[in-house]
Protein backbone atom coordinates (compact mmCIF):
# COMPACT_ATOMS: atom_id res chain seq x y z
CA MET A 1 -7.71 -3.08 -33.00
CA PHE A 2 -9.67 -0.35 -30.66
CA ALA A 3 -7.76 -2.82 -27.19
CA ILE A 4 -4.43 -2.27 -28.68
CA CYS A 5 -4.97 1.80 -29.62
CA ASP A 6 -6.27 1.44 -25.73
CA LEU A 7 -3.33 -0.07 -24.68
CA ALA A 8 -0.87 1.79 -26.56
CA HIS A 9 -2.61 4.56 -24.91
CA GLN A 10 -2.26 4.09 -21.58
CA GLU A 11 1.53 3.58 -21.94
CA TYR A 12 2.07 6.64 -23.39
CA GLU A 13 -0.08 8.76 -21.13
CA SER A 14 1.67 6.71 -17.84
CA PHE A 15 5.77 7.34 -19.68
CA ARG A 16 4.33 10.87 -20.35
CA LEU A 17 3.64 11.36 -16.97
CA LYS A 18 6.59 9.61 -15.60
CA LYS A 19 8.99 12.07 -18.02
CA GLU A 20 7.66 15.04 -16.38
CA GLU A 21 7.30 14.44 -12.48
CA ASP A 22 11.42 13.70 -13.98
CA MET A 23 11.92 17.09 -15.45
CA LEU A 24 10.40 18.44 -12.53
CA ALA A 25 12.43 16.74 -10.35
CA GLN A 26 15.34 18.29 -11.86
CA ALA A 27 14.21 21.85 -11.84
CA LEU A 28 13.87 21.90 -8.49
CA GLY A 29 17.10 20.15 -8.12
CA TRP A 30 18.90 22.81 -10.31
CA MET A 31 16.68 25.63 -8.02
CA LEU A 32 18.18 24.47 -4.96
CA LEU A 33 21.84 24.19 -6.69
CA SER A 34 21.71 27.46 -7.80
CA HIS A 35 20.73 28.96 -3.78
CA LYS A 36 23.33 26.32 -2.46
CA LYS A 37 25.30 29.26 -0.49
CA THR A 38 22.41 29.61 1.37
CA LEU A 39 22.36 26.10 2.55
CA ASP A 40 23.23 24.05 5.63
CA LYS A 41 26.05 21.45 2.88
CA THR A 42 26.25 19.59 6.46
CA ALA A 43 22.61 19.20 7.20
CA LEU A 44 21.99 17.48 3.45
CA THR A 45 25.21 15.83 2.76
CA ASP A 46 23.80 13.83 6.39
CA ARG A 47 20.69 13.46 4.98
CA VAL A 48 21.82 11.73 2.17
CA LYS A 49 24.34 9.29 3.98
CA SER A 50 20.68 8.20 5.84
CA ASP A 51 18.89 7.52 3.28
CA ALA A 52 21.57 5.61 1.48
CA GLU A 53 21.82 3.36 4.81
CA LYS A 54 18.60 2.99 4.93
CA PHE A 55 19.02 1.43 1.62
CA LEU A 56 21.82 -0.89 2.76
CA VAL A 57 20.11 -1.81 5.58
CA ASP A 58 16.49 -2.86 3.52
CA ILE A 59 18.91 -4.43 0.65
CA VAL A 60 21.28 -6.73 3.40
CA ALA A 61 17.50 -7.18 4.88
CA ILE A 62 16.55 -8.98 1.47
CA LEU A 63 19.42 -10.68 0.41
CA ASN A 64 18.43 -12.43 4.35
CA ARG A 65 15.40 -13.32 3.96
CA GLU A 66 16.04 -16.89 3.29
CA GLU A 67 12.40 -17.69 1.94
CA LEU A 68 13.59 -15.79 -0.98
CA ASN A 69 15.96 -17.62 -3.40
CA ASP A 70 18.40 -16.02 -5.48
CA PHE A 71 15.86 -14.81 -8.69
CA HIS A 72 13.57 -13.24 -6.10
CA CYS A 73 16.42 -11.53 -4.24
CA VAL A 74 16.93 -9.85 -7.44
CA ASP A 75 13.56 -8.65 -7.96
CA LYS A 76 13.10 -7.71 -3.93
CA ILE A 77 16.22 -5.29 -4.50
CA ILE A 78 15.33 -4.11 -7.92
CA GLU A 79 11.77 -3.56 -6.36
CA ARG A 80 13.50 -1.43 -3.83
CA LEU A 81 14.98 0.93 -6.05
CA GLU A 82 12.43 1.69 -8.72
CA LYS A 83 10.98 2.46 -5.31
CA ILE A 84 13.03 5.46 -4.51
CA GLY A 85 12.65 5.80 -8.53
CA LEU A 86 16.35 4.59 -9.65
CA ASN A 87 14.18 2.66 -12.59
CA THR A 88 16.21 0.09 -14.77
CA SER A 89 15.29 -2.02 -18.16
CA ARG A 90 16.35 -5.40 -16.99
CA HIS A 91 13.18 -5.96 -14.44
CA ASP A 92 10.91 -6.67 -17.71
CA PHE A 93 10.76 -10.83 -16.66
CA GLY A 94 7.23 -10.84 -17.91
């Protein structure tokens, strides 16, 4: 019984910390947007495009790995999405 309670507490703490990070990121985003007049929009847009292009190159590299079957390709792509903060509940193959 105590093991279940301990596990539930650990799950809650992990969830709570993730939500705090998400809220902090959102607050920082809003702060940046409120100062957008002073931002170099071209540099910011170029950075986002560059990050997106790198991500797509990573996806193609995963798909081109001959040793991975389709399931493992999808698994690796989802891991890559999670690495950049794009989480999905569909990745619970457990």
